[in-house]
Amino acid sequence: MKLGLDAIIISESGKEGSTGIIPERLLLDGKPCSIQVVLNYLEHGGHVVRPVEGDGMMSWWSAPKLNGIYLHSYLTKQGFNASLINKYFKERDDFRDLLKQGPRAVIISSTFIRGKHSLRELTDDIRDLAPDVFIIAGGCFVYLSYLVFQRSHEKGYISDSDKDDLLFFNTDEPAVDFYIISLLGEPILCEALKRIKQNRPLNDLPNSAQYIGKKYSFSQRIDDIPNAGDMSVDWKGLPDGMFKSGVVPLQTSKGCPYKCAFCNFTRDRRLMLIKPADRLVDELKDISSRGARYVWFVDDNFRHGRTDLNSVCQSFIDNGIDIRWMTMVRADTLKHVDADLLRESGCIEVQLGLESADPDVLRSMNKKAGPELYRNVVRRMLGAGINCSCYFIFGFPGETDETALRTQKFIKDIEHPELEGTLSWSLFPFSLYPMSPIYEVEERKKYGLTGYLRDWKHNTMDSTRAMEHVRATFLELDNSCPAYRGDNLNILLNLTPHQRKSFSVSRHRLSKLALKRKIEKEEIISFFSKALSIG
């Protein structure tokens, strides 16, 4: 076997994350209740018989992560020999095989790492398999930790107990050899890999940190934003394995021009970029030629909410783009969009951060939108057969029992069982994140807000009460469903619109029953057979 692998890139740990809210997803024989699992269960008389046809394929969850894809493409273009592990703990055997090629470094992207303990669990396992490999970490969580560390001297900004969740505070640190602290760390990463090959020191590389002698040593800070690239990926040059699931993530823009008060995404506005529509079309053609049939546009806000979505959709149609897609987009962007044109262009679902249906809470969140706009947009999308996946937050400062119930009623009002599209949702209790606008000391004082992450209280609610509203809303909704991302889209879209909606609603109703009592397999078979018009 050929030796000389420069680096293994890890996109995420692959451990199943828990929302910490409620067991909202129904399980059948221990497997999430996706459409392909249900069909297998029905075929075998109430048992899941492995392998499940279509499982782990053609679903939004089966898409590889774009952070790893981008790094792999970038390093390859710079002449490095790199391999990619998408979900570490699920691909641990593949990682072990790659170690036989003698990689000089393991690169961890922290985009999907939520806390120091998750990073330490990952690095500890890597060390068990490869004690001497050089571990490099960078990305969103690393950069966020550094920003909080820089502000930790400010009175009242962060407590000693909360520091345990972040890096650089010298408490039980992960086994990382070299941190890159930058929103644009790719050039530093390339230089680090060159020096590792040459056995040269890295301590003078800018925007970096090393944990030496139980203490962090930080290098010189420089402004590297002017060196920003164009976020391009060489889709034609990627290994075949990155397309095997049939679903690919793609970015049409970087950053977000809005400043929602609960959001702690760390972005420099100089890095905000929008990909030209013609280049986007070219990338979709490249992706389609590699066998992908679905694209998840992973923008924070599709093309920054620009008002040219109709022309972008027409461009997809005119160029014969045969791909179905989903994206996160602001509701006000869709206000004047031709919904039928959107669907014709391949859009099968829009993700909408609605957050609340109370005008005062929305103003406090700095959402710059209102419930009537939300109501109209959702109805138009569902009427055109486009699914709407909506995100709601309960407990934001200023929330009361009355405003939370207003949001619950609003969700019931927009379920629209009579329309072709399906409403799904994700319900979250408010989380208090460092570096978000609401975390600023003066903002916290205004609301009497104390606590950290999901343990907080303010003048009108606390985290326990917010969770109660989440649970109550989950149980109250009956003609919509939680967002499931593991459904095989080919199988799901081969159903009639009525069957798709009936299946999704039935799945949610069963999951609610499962919270109250044990459900017999005959009952499950009856529910799904009726929903899918089987038997």
Protein backbone atom coordinates (compact mmCIF):
# COMPACT_ATOMS: atom_id res chain seq x y z
CA MET A 1 0.00 0.00 0.00
CA LYS A 2 1.21 3.46 -0.89
CA LEU A 3 2.60 5.41 2.07
CA GLY A 4 2.99 9.12 2.50
CA LEU A 5 -0.47 10.38 3.40
CA ASP A 6 -0.05 14.00 4.51
CA ALA A 7 -3.22 14.32 6.54
CA ILE A 8 -6.55 12.83 7.53
CA ILE A 9 -9.37 15.38 7.74
CA ILE A 10 -12.21 14.81 10.21
CA SER A 11 -15.44 16.69 9.48
CA GLU A 12 -17.28 15.79 12.68
CA SER A 13 -17.25 13.23 15.47
CA GLY A 14 -20.33 11.39 14.19
CA LYS A 15 -21.75 10.82 17.65
CA GLU A 16 -25.51 11.13 17.57
CA GLY A 17 -26.25 14.50 19.07
CA SER A 18 -29.16 14.85 21.46
CA THR A 19 -31.33 17.92 21.46
CA GLY A 20 -31.83 17.41 25.17
CA ILE A 21 -35.49 18.22 24.66
CA ILE A 22 -37.76 15.23 24.15
CA PRO A 23 -37.50 11.83 22.46
CA GLU A 24 -39.26 13.26 19.42
CA ARG A 25 -38.24 10.59 16.93
CA LEU A 26 -40.01 7.26 16.98
CA LEU A 27 -37.82 4.15 16.97
CA LEU A 28 -38.61 0.75 15.46
CA ASP A 29 -36.40 -2.06 16.77
CA GLY A 30 -33.92 0.60 17.84
CA LYS A 31 -33.75 2.34 14.46
CA PRO A 32 -35.10 5.82 13.73
CA CYS A 33 -38.50 5.54 12.09
CA SER A 34 -37.60 6.63 8.55
CA ILE A 35 -39.76 5.75 5.55
CA GLN A 36 -37.38 2.97 4.50
CA VAL A 37 -37.37 1.45 8.00
CA VAL A 38 -41.18 1.56 8.14
CA LEU A 39 -41.51 -0.23 4.80
CA ASN A 40 -39.05 -2.88 6.00
CA TYR A 41 -41.00 -3.23 9.26
CA LEU A 42 -44.29 -3.71 7.41
CA GLU A 43 -42.77 -6.16 4.94
CA HIS A 44 -41.48 -8.36 7.76
CA GLY A 45 -44.59 -8.38 9.91
CA GLY A 46 -43.49 -6.02 12.63
CA HIS A 47 -39.72 -6.55 12.68
CA VAL A 48 -36.85 -4.60 11.14
CA VAL A 49 -34.74 -7.07 9.17
CA ARG A 50 -31.30 -5.72 8.28
CA PRO A 51 -30.02 -4.55 5.89
CA VAL A 52 -32.72 -1.98 5.29
CA GLU A 53 -32.96 -1.16 1.59
CA GLY A 54 -32.27 2.54 0.99
CA ASP A 55 -31.05 3.26 4.52
CA GLY A 56 -28.23 5.78 4.81
CA MET A 57 -28.74 6.84 1.20
CA MET A 58 -30.58 9.67 -0.53
CA SER A 59 -31.44 11.40 2.76
CA TRP A 60 -30.47 14.83 4.00
CA TRP A 61 -28.63 13.22 6.91
CA SER A 62 -26.59 11.08 4.52
CA ALA A 63 -24.94 14.11 2.91
CA PRO A 64 -21.24 14.48 3.76
CA LYS A 65 -20.32 17.68 5.60
CA LEU A 66 -19.18 20.61 3.50
CA ASN A 67 -16.45 21.69 5.94
CA GLY A 68 -14.53 18.47 5.26
CA ILE A 69 -15.24 18.55 1.54
CA TYR A 70 -13.93 22.11 1.29
CA LEU A 71 -10.75 21.33 3.25
CA HIS A 72 -10.09 18.22 1.17
CA SER A 73 -10.51 20.17 -2.07
CA TYR A 74 -8.37 23.05 -0.81
CA LEU A 75 -5.48 20.87 0.37
CA THR A 76 -5.57 18.76 -2.78
CA LYS A 77 -5.30 21.88 -4.94
CA GLN A 78 -2.27 22.88 -2.84
CA GLY A 79 -0.55 19.58 -3.64
CA PHE A 80 -1.19 17.68 -0.40
CA ASN A 81 -2.28 14.05 -0.21
CA ALA A 82 -5.29 14.09 2.12
CA SER A 83 -8.12 11.71 2.96
CA LEU A 84 -11.47 12.56 4.49
CA ILE A 85 -13.37 10.99 7.39
CA ASN A 86 -16.88 12.43 7.48
CA LYS A 87 -18.21 10.97 10.76
CA TYR A 88 -15.33 9.78 12.91
CA PHE A 89 -16.96 7.34 15.33
CA LYS A 90 -19.10 5.80 12.58
CA GLU A 91 -16.06 5.47 10.29
CA ARG A 92 -13.52 4.50 12.94
CA ASP A 93 -12.49 1.35 11.06
CA ASP A 94 -11.82 3.43 7.94
CA PHE A 95 -9.75 5.81 10.05
CA ARG A 96 -7.75 2.87 11.41
CA ASP A 97 -7.07 1.69 7.84
CA LEU A 98 -5.91 5.17 6.81
CA LEU A 99 -3.42 5.18 9.67
CA LYS A 100 -1.56 2.39 7.85
CA GLN A 101 -0.62 4.98 5.21
CA GLY A 102 1.44 6.88 7.75
CA PRO A 103 -0.38 10.23 7.91
CA ARG A 104 1.70 13.01 9.39
CA ALA A 105 -1.28 14.87 10.80
CA VAL A 106 -4.94 14.62 11.70
CA ILE A 107 -6.95 17.78 11.03
CA ILE A 108 -10.12 18.34 13.05
CA SER A 109 -12.66 20.89 11.85
CA SER A 110 -14.64 22.16 14.83
CA THR A 111 -17.63 23.41 12.81
CA PHE A 112 -19.90 20.76 14.35
CA ILE A 113 -18.28 20.57 17.78
CA ARG A 114 -20.44 22.15 20.48
CA GLY A 115 -18.16 21.97 23.51
CA LYS A 116 -14.71 21.14 24.81
CA HIS A 117 -15.82 17.78 26.19
CA SER A 118 -16.85 16.60 22.71
CA LEU A 119 -13.49 17.63 21.28
CA ARG A 120 -11.63 15.90 24.10
CA GLU A 121 -13.60 12.68 23.58
CA LEU A 122 -12.63 12.76 19.91
CA THR A 123 -8.94 13.47 20.49
CA ASP A 124 -8.69 10.86 23.26
CA ASP A 125 -9.92 8.19 20.88
CA ILE A 126 -7.55 9.33 18.15
CA ARG A 127 -4.69 9.14 20.64
CA ASP A 128 -5.67 5.57 21.53
CA LEU A 129 -5.27 4.56 17.88
CA ALA A 130 -2.37 6.85 16.96
CA PRO A 131 -0.48 8.09 20.03
CA ASP A 132 2.14 9.99 18.06
CA VAL A 133 0.12 11.57 15.26
CA PHE A 134 0.13 15.37 15.17
CA ILE A 135 -3.36 16.75 15.81
CA ILE A 136 -4.43 20.13 14.39
CA ALA A 137 -7.77 21.75 15.24
CA GLY A 138 -9.41 24.86 13.86
CA GLY A 139 -12.77 26.22 12.83
CA CYS A 140 -15.82 27.76 14.44
CA PHE A 141 -15.66 26.36 17.97
CA VAL A 142 -11.93 27.01 18.28
CA TYR A 143 -12.39 30.59 17.12
CA LEU A 144 -15.42 31.16 19.35
CA SER A 145 -13.51 29.87 22.38
CA TYR A 146 -10.68 32.28 21.65
CA LEU A 147 -13.04 35.25 21.37
CA VAL A 148 -14.62 34.40 24.73
CA PHE A 149 -11.17 33.87 26.24
CA GLN A 150 -10.16 37.35 25.06
CA ARG A 151 -13.19 38.84 26.80
CA SER A 152 -13.02 36.75 29.96
CA HIS A 153 -11.32 39.59 31.87
CA GLU A 154 -14.46 41.72 31.48
CA LYS A 155 -16.43 41.86 34.68
CA GLY A 156 -19.47 39.61 34.59
CA TYR A 157 -18.91 38.34 31.06
CA ILE A 158 -18.37 34.67 31.89
CA SER A 159 -18.25 32.75 35.17
CA ASP A 160 -15.54 30.32 36.23
CA SER A 161 -17.91 27.34 36.01
CA ASP A 162 -18.91 28.23 32.45
CA LYS A 163 -15.29 28.24 31.32
CA ASP A 164 -15.26 24.42 31.53
CA ASP A 165 -17.20 24.26 28.27
CA LEU A 166 -14.66 26.30 26.28
CA LEU A 167 -11.02 26.00 25.23
CA PHE A 168 -7.99 27.95 26.44
CA PHE A 169 -8.91 28.18 30.13
CA ASN A 170 -6.38 25.50 31.19
CA THR A 171 -8.90 23.03 32.58
CA ASP A 172 -8.69 19.43 31.34
CA GLU A 173 -7.70 20.45 27.80
CA PRO A 174 -8.03 18.17 24.73
CA ALA A 175 -4.93 16.48 23.32
CA VAL A 176 -4.51 18.93 20.43
CA ASP A 177 -0.99 19.83 19.33
CA PHE A 178 -1.77 22.93 17.32
CA TYR A 179 -4.80 25.24 17.19
CA ILE A 180 -5.49 27.55 14.26
CA ILE A 181 -7.41 30.58 15.54
CA SER A 182 -8.76 32.24 12.43
CA LEU A 183 -11.86 32.47 10.26
CA LEU A 184 -9.52 32.03 7.31
CA GLY A 185 -6.98 29.50 8.51
CA GLU A 186 -6.37 27.50 5.34
CA PRO A 187 -3.03 29.19 4.43
CA ILE A 188 -1.79 28.68 8.00
CA LEU A 189 -2.86 25.04 7.80
CA CYS A 190 -0.88 24.54 4.57
CA GLU A 191 2.23 26.10 6.06
CA ALA A 192 1.86 23.95 9.19
CA LEU A 193 1.63 20.77 7.10
CA LYS A 194 4.76 21.77 5.14
CA ARG A 195 6.69 22.36 8.36
CA ILE A 196 5.51 19.08 9.86
CA LYS A 197 6.90 17.26 6.81
CA GLN A 198 10.19 19.14 7.25
CA ASN A 199 10.30 18.65 11.04
CA ARG A 200 10.34 22.41 11.56
CA PRO A 201 8.75 24.24 14.50
CA LEU A 202 5.31 25.86 14.23
CA ASN A 203 5.42 28.25 17.15
CA ASP A 204 6.00 31.37 15.03
CA LEU A 205 3.02 30.76 12.73
CA PRO A 206 0.48 33.57 13.28
CA ASN A 207 -3.04 33.14 14.66
CA SER A 208 -2.26 29.90 16.43
CA ALA A 209 -1.92 28.39 19.88
CA GLN A 210 -0.14 25.43 21.46
CA TYR A 211 -0.67 23.84 24.86
CA ILE A 212 2.80 23.53 26.33
CA GLY A 213 3.61 22.77 29.95
CA LYS A 214 -0.05 22.95 31.01
CA LYS A 215 -0.27 26.47 29.64
CA TYR A 216 -1.32 27.94 26.32
CA SER A 217 1.15 29.83 24.21
CA PHE A 218 -0.46 32.18 21.68
CA SER A 219 1.36 33.41 18.59
CA GLN A 220 1.15 36.83 16.99
CA ARG A 221 -2.30 37.95 15.83
CA ILE A 222 -2.51 39.24 12.27
CA ASP A 223 -5.42 40.32 10.08
CA ASP A 224 -5.64 37.56 7.48
CA ILE A 225 -9.12 38.40 6.20
CA PRO A 226 -7.78 40.25 3.13
CA ASN A 227 -6.50 36.86 1.93
CA ALA A 228 -10.06 35.50 1.67
CA GLY A 229 -10.66 32.94 -1.03
CA ASP A 230 -13.75 32.34 -3.11
CA MET A 231 -15.14 29.26 -1.26
CA SER A 232 -14.80 27.18 -4.43
CA VAL A 233 -14.73 23.39 -4.44
CA ASP A 234 -13.30 21.27 -7.25
CA TRP A 235 -16.26 18.90 -7.47
CA LYS A 236 -14.82 17.08 -10.48
CA GLY A 237 -11.65 16.24 -8.57
CA LEU A 238 -13.26 14.80 -5.43
CA PRO A 239 -13.18 11.05 -4.72
CA ASP A 240 -16.24 9.05 -5.78
CA GLY A 241 -17.05 8.21 -2.17
CA MET A 242 -18.14 11.75 -1.46
CA PHE A 243 -21.07 11.29 -3.84
CA LYS A 244 -22.14 7.79 -2.86
CA SER A 245 -25.17 8.87 -0.83
CA GLY A 246 -26.61 10.85 -3.74
CA VAL A 247 -26.92 13.98 -1.59
CA VAL A 248 -24.37 16.80 -1.56
CA PRO A 249 -24.06 20.00 0.49
CA LEU A 250 -23.37 23.22 -1.40
CA GLN A 251 -22.82 26.80 -0.30
CA THR A 252 -24.09 29.74 -2.35
CA SER A 253 -22.99 32.43 0.11
CA LYS A 254 -20.89 33.00 3.19
CA GLY A 255 -22.06 34.79 6.28
CA CYS A 256 -25.32 36.53 7.09
CA PRO A 257 -26.04 40.27 7.10
CA TYR A 258 -28.59 39.96 9.92
CA LYS A 259 -27.91 40.11 13.66
CA CYS A 260 -30.48 37.97 15.44
CA ALA A 261 -30.06 38.52 19.17
CA PHE A 262 -29.77 34.81 20.06
CA CYS A 263 -27.19 33.94 17.38
CA ASN A 264 -23.49 33.62 18.23
CA PHE A 265 -22.19 32.73 14.77
CA THR A 266 -18.82 34.42 14.57
CA ARG A 267 -18.45 36.11 11.23
CA ASP A 268 -16.35 38.97 9.93
CA ARG A 269 -18.50 40.99 7.54
CA ARG A 270 -15.54 41.28 5.20
CA LEU A 271 -15.92 37.55 4.60
CA MET A 272 -19.51 37.81 3.39
CA LEU A 273 -19.60 36.50 -0.16
CA ILE A 274 -22.32 35.60 -2.65
CA LYS A 275 -21.52 33.12 -5.39
CA PRO A 276 -22.44 34.42 -8.87
CA ALA A 277 -25.48 32.63 -10.29
CA ASP A 278 -23.60 31.40 -13.37
CA ARG A 279 -20.90 29.77 -11.25
CA LEU A 280 -23.58 28.21 -9.05
CA VAL A 281 -25.14 26.67 -12.15
CA ASP A 282 -21.75 25.32 -13.24
CA GLU A 283 -21.22 23.69 -9.82
CA LEU A 284 -24.66 22.10 -9.93
CA LYS A 285 -23.83 20.66 -13.34
CA ASP A 286 -20.56 19.25 -11.97
CA ILE A 287 -22.36 17.74 -8.97
CA SER A 288 -25.06 16.25 -11.16
CA SER A 289 -22.45 14.69 -13.43
CA ARG A 290 -21.01 12.88 -10.39
CA GLY A 291 -24.35 11.19 -9.66
CA ALA A 292 -25.82 13.46 -6.98
CA ARG A 293 -29.57 13.97 -7.21
CA TYR A 294 -30.19 16.16 -4.17
CA VAL A 295 -28.45 19.29 -2.93
CA TRP A 296 -28.68 20.82 0.51
CA PHE A 297 -27.76 24.49 0.21
CA VAL A 298 -26.18 25.02 3.62
CA ASP A 299 -26.10 28.82 3.68
CA ASP A 300 -26.97 30.57 6.93
CA ASN A 301 -29.40 32.51 4.72
CA PHE A 302 -29.70 31.56 1.05
CA ARG A 303 -27.65 34.08 -0.95
CA HIS A 304 -28.02 36.58 1.93
CA GLY A 305 -31.74 36.91 1.23
CA ARG A 306 -31.24 38.67 -2.09
CA THR A 307 -34.37 39.50 -4.04
CA ASP A 308 -33.28 37.76 -7.25
CA LEU A 309 -34.50 34.29 -6.27
CA ASN A 310 -36.98 34.18 -9.17
CA SER A 311 -34.20 34.76 -11.70
CA VAL A 312 -31.93 32.21 -9.98
CA CYS A 313 -34.70 29.62 -10.18
CA GLN A 314 -35.31 30.45 -13.84
CA SER A 315 -31.58 30.00 -14.47
CA PHE A 316 -31.73 26.50 -12.96
CA ILE A 317 -34.65 25.67 -15.25
CA ASP A 318 -33.11 27.19 -18.38
CA ASN A 319 -29.89 25.22 -17.83
CA GLY A 320 -31.70 21.91 -17.35
CA ILE A 321 -30.52 21.41 -13.76
CA ASP A 322 -32.08 18.08 -12.78
CA ILE A 323 -31.52 18.32 -9.03
CA ARG A 324 -33.92 18.65 -6.12
CA TRP A 325 -32.85 20.94 -3.33
CA MET A 326 -33.48 22.41 0.11
CA THR A 327 -32.18 25.55 1.80
CA MET A 328 -32.44 27.85 4.81
CA VAL A 329 -34.01 31.12 3.73
CA ARG A 330 -35.63 34.08 5.45
CA ALA A 331 -39.40 34.29 5.14
CA ASP A 332 -39.24 37.87 3.87
CA THR A 333 -37.06 36.67 0.97
CA LEU A 334 -39.97 34.47 -0.13
CA LYS A 335 -42.56 37.22 0.17
CA HIS A 336 -42.61 37.99 -3.56
CA VAL A 337 -41.12 34.77 -4.93
CA ASP A 338 -43.12 32.80 -7.48
CA ALA A 339 -43.77 29.61 -5.49
CA ASP A 340 -44.59 27.55 -8.59
CA LEU A 341 -41.32 28.66 -10.22
CA LEU A 342 -39.46 27.76 -7.03
CA ARG A 343 -40.86 24.26 -7.13
CA GLU A 344 -40.22 23.88 -10.87
CA SER A 345 -36.55 24.76 -10.26
CA GLY A 346 -36.23 21.70 -8.00
CA CYS A 347 -36.93 23.14 -4.55
CA ILE A 348 -38.71 20.55 -2.41
CA GLU A 349 -38.27 22.15 1.02
CA VAL A 350 -37.48 25.50 2.61
CA GLN A 351 -36.13 25.86 6.15
CA LEU A 352 -37.54 28.90 7.92
CA GLY A 353 -36.23 30.37 11.17
CA LEU A 354 -39.55 31.76 12.40
CA GLU A 355 -38.59 31.51 16.12
CA SER A 356 -41.79 33.03 17.59
CA ALA A 357 -45.26 34.26 16.67
CA ASP A 358 -45.31 37.11 19.17
CA PRO A 359 -44.47 40.52 17.65
CA ASP A 360 -42.79 41.83 20.82
CA VAL A 361 -40.59 38.75 21.19
CA LEU A 362 -39.65 38.94 17.50
CA ARG A 363 -38.64 42.59 17.95
CA SER A 364 -36.51 41.66 20.95
CA MET A 365 -34.87 38.96 18.83
CA ASN A 366 -34.19 41.55 16.10
CA LYS A 367 -35.92 39.29 13.57
CA LYS A 368 -37.30 42.16 11.45
CA ALA A 369 -40.36 40.11 10.51
CA GLY A 370 -43.83 39.40 11.86
CA PRO A 371 -46.31 36.53 12.23
CA GLU A 372 -48.58 37.68 9.38
CA LEU A 373 -45.69 37.59 6.94
CA TYR A 374 -44.80 34.12 8.25
CA ARG A 375 -48.38 32.94 7.93
CA ASN A 376 -48.71 34.07 4.31
CA VAL A 377 -45.35 32.71 3.20
CA VAL A 378 -45.90 29.27 4.74
CA ARG A 379 -49.35 28.98 3.18
CA ARG A 380 -48.03 29.89 -0.28
CA MET A 381 -45.15 27.42 -0.06
CA LEU A 382 -47.32 24.55 1.18
CA GLY A 383 -49.91 25.36 -1.46
CA ALA A 384 -47.24 24.97 -4.16
CA GLY A 385 -46.26 21.57 -2.76
CA ILE A 386 -43.04 22.81 -1.13
CA ASN A 387 -42.46 21.48 2.37
CA CYS A 388 -41.74 23.98 5.14
CA SER A 389 -39.42 23.09 8.00
CA CYS A 390 -39.82 25.77 10.68
CA TYR A 391 -37.65 26.50 13.70
CA PHE A 392 -39.10 27.89 16.93
CA ILE A 393 -37.46 29.07 20.15
CA PHE A 394 -39.33 29.14 23.46
CA GLY A 395 -38.18 31.26 26.38
CA PHE A 396 -36.24 34.11 24.80
CA PRO A 397 -36.01 37.07 27.22
CA GLY A 398 -39.40 38.76 27.32
CA GLU A 399 -41.23 35.46 26.71
CA THR A 400 -44.22 34.81 28.96
CA ASP A 401 -46.74 31.99 29.19
CA GLU A 402 -49.05 34.10 27.05
CA THR A 403 -46.50 34.68 24.25
CA ALA A 404 -45.45 31.02 24.26
CA LEU A 405 -49.07 29.91 23.89
CA ARG A 406 -49.44 32.41 21.06
CA THR A 407 -46.61 30.64 19.22
CA GLN A 408 -48.16 27.24 19.90
CA LYS A 409 -51.50 28.39 18.47
CA PHE A 410 -49.74 29.91 15.48
CA ILE A 411 -48.08 26.59 14.60
CA LYS A 412 -51.46 24.85 14.77
CA ASP A 413 -52.90 27.51 12.46
CA ILE A 414 -50.25 26.97 9.77
CA GLU A 415 -50.37 23.15 9.70
CA HIS A 416 -52.77 23.23 6.73
CA PRO A 417 -53.63 19.53 6.37
CA GLU A 418 -55.59 20.41 3.21
CA LEU A 419 -52.52 21.64 1.28
CA GLU A 420 -50.04 19.49 -0.65
CA GLY A 421 -46.88 20.47 1.21
CA THR A 422 -46.04 19.20 4.70
CA LEU A 423 -45.23 21.39 7.68
CA SER A 424 -42.46 20.11 9.93
CA TRP A 425 -40.76 21.86 12.81
CA SER A 426 -37.97 21.84 15.35
CA LEU A 427 -38.81 23.18 18.81
CA PHE A 428 -36.02 24.46 21.03
CA PRO A 429 -35.77 26.05 24.42
CA PHE A 430 -33.78 29.29 24.33
CA SER A 431 -30.05 28.83 24.89
CA LEU A 432 -27.83 31.61 26.21
CA TYR A 433 -24.64 31.51 24.14
CA PRO A 434 -21.51 33.61 24.70
CA MET A 435 -20.81 36.10 21.90
CA SER A 436 -24.51 36.42 21.02
CA PRO A 437 -25.97 39.95 21.27
CA ILE A 438 -28.31 38.91 24.10
CA TYR A 439 -25.29 37.65 26.10
CA GLU A 440 -23.84 41.15 26.42
CA VAL A 441 -23.84 42.30 30.04
CA GLU A 442 -26.10 45.31 29.47
CA GLU A 443 -28.64 43.20 27.59
CA ARG A 444 -28.70 40.63 30.37
CA LYS A 445 -29.25 43.35 32.94
CA LYS A 446 -32.20 44.71 30.97
CA TYR A 447 -34.03 41.39 31.19
CA GLY A 448 -32.67 40.19 34.54
CA LEU A 449 -31.09 37.36 32.54
CA THR A 450 -28.69 35.01 34.34
CA GLY A 451 -27.28 31.56 33.63
CA TYR A 452 -25.54 29.82 30.76
CA LEU A 453 -26.58 27.76 27.73
CA ARG A 454 -29.78 25.86 28.66
CA ASP A 455 -29.82 26.69 32.37
CA TRP A 456 -31.05 30.26 32.75
CA LYS A 457 -33.78 32.53 34.07
CA HIS A 458 -34.99 36.04 33.37
CA ASN A 459 -37.71 38.36 34.60
CA THR A 460 -40.59 36.53 32.93
CA MET A 461 -39.52 32.88 32.52
CA ASP A 462 -36.84 30.30 33.33
CA SER A 463 -35.40 27.38 31.37
CA THR A 464 -37.57 24.82 33.18
CA ARG A 465 -40.75 26.61 32.19
CA ALA A 466 -39.51 27.06 28.61
CA MET A 467 -38.96 23.31 28.37
CA GLU A 468 -42.51 22.73 29.61
CA HIS A 469 -43.80 24.86 26.75
CA VAL A 470 -41.70 22.90 24.26
CA ARG A 471 -43.15 19.62 25.53
CA ALA A 472 -46.69 20.94 25.58
CA THR A 473 -46.40 22.23 22.03
CA PHE A 474 -44.96 18.93 20.83
CA LEU A 475 -47.95 17.09 22.27
CA GLU A 476 -50.52 19.63 21.09
CA LEU A 477 -49.60 19.60 17.39
CA ASP A 478 -51.44 16.91 15.48
CA ASN A 479 -51.37 17.71 11.75
CA SER A 480 -47.65 18.38 11.34
CA CYS A 481 -44.49 16.65 12.48
CA PRO A 482 -40.91 17.02 13.74
CA ALA A 483 -38.28 17.35 11.03
CA TYR A 484 -36.91 13.91 10.12
CA ARG A 485 -33.74 14.09 8.00
CA GLY A 486 -33.14 10.34 7.63
CA ASP A 487 -35.94 9.59 5.16
CA ASN A 488 -34.78 8.20 1.83
CA LEU A 489 -35.95 10.99 -0.47
CA ASN A 490 -36.34 8.74 -3.52
CA ILE A 491 -38.74 6.49 -1.63
CA LEU A 492 -40.56 9.38 0.01
CA LEU A 493 -41.06 11.31 -3.23
CA ASN A 494 -42.39 8.21 -5.00
CA LEU A 495 -45.39 8.38 -2.68
CA THR A 496 -48.37 10.51 -3.57
CA PRO A 497 -48.57 13.90 -1.80
CA HIS A 498 -51.45 12.52 0.29
CA GLN A 499 -49.42 9.45 1.29
CA ARG A 500 -46.38 11.57 2.22
CA LYS A 501 -48.39 13.86 4.44
CA SER A 502 -50.38 11.01 5.97
CA PHE A 503 -47.18 9.09 6.70
CA SER A 504 -45.45 12.06 8.36
CA VAL A 505 -48.46 12.95 10.50
CA SER A 506 -49.03 9.32 11.51
CA ARG A 507 -45.39 8.98 12.54
CA HIS A 508 -45.74 11.99 14.84
CA ARG A 509 -48.99 10.74 16.35
CA LEU A 510 -47.36 7.41 17.11
CA SER A 511 -44.35 9.11 18.68
CA LYS A 512 -46.71 11.02 20.99
CA LEU A 513 -48.44 7.78 21.98
CA ALA A 514 -45.03 6.22 22.65
CA LEU A 515 -44.36 8.92 25.26
CA LYS A 516 -47.44 7.79 27.19
CA ARG A 517 -47.45 4.00 26.86
CA LYS A 518 -45.99 1.01 25.10
CA ILE A 519 -47.28 0.65 21.55
CA GLU A 520 -47.94 -2.87 20.29
CA LYS A 521 -46.55 -3.83 16.90
CA GLU A 522 -50.05 -4.56 15.57
CA GLU A 523 -50.97 -0.95 16.32
CA ILE A 524 -47.87 0.34 14.52
CA ILE A 525 -48.59 -1.85 11.49
CA SER A 526 -52.18 -0.63 11.41
CA PHE A 527 -51.18 3.03 11.66
CA PHE A 528 -48.62 2.93 8.86
CA SER A 529 -50.54 0.56 6.59
CA LYS A 530 -53.48 2.93 6.67
CA ALA A 531 -51.26 6.00 6.16
CA LEU A 532 -49.49 4.43 3.16
CA SER A 533 -52.64 2.80 1.75
CA ILE A 534 -51.11 -0.67 2.11
CA GLY A 535 -53.28 -3.76 2.54
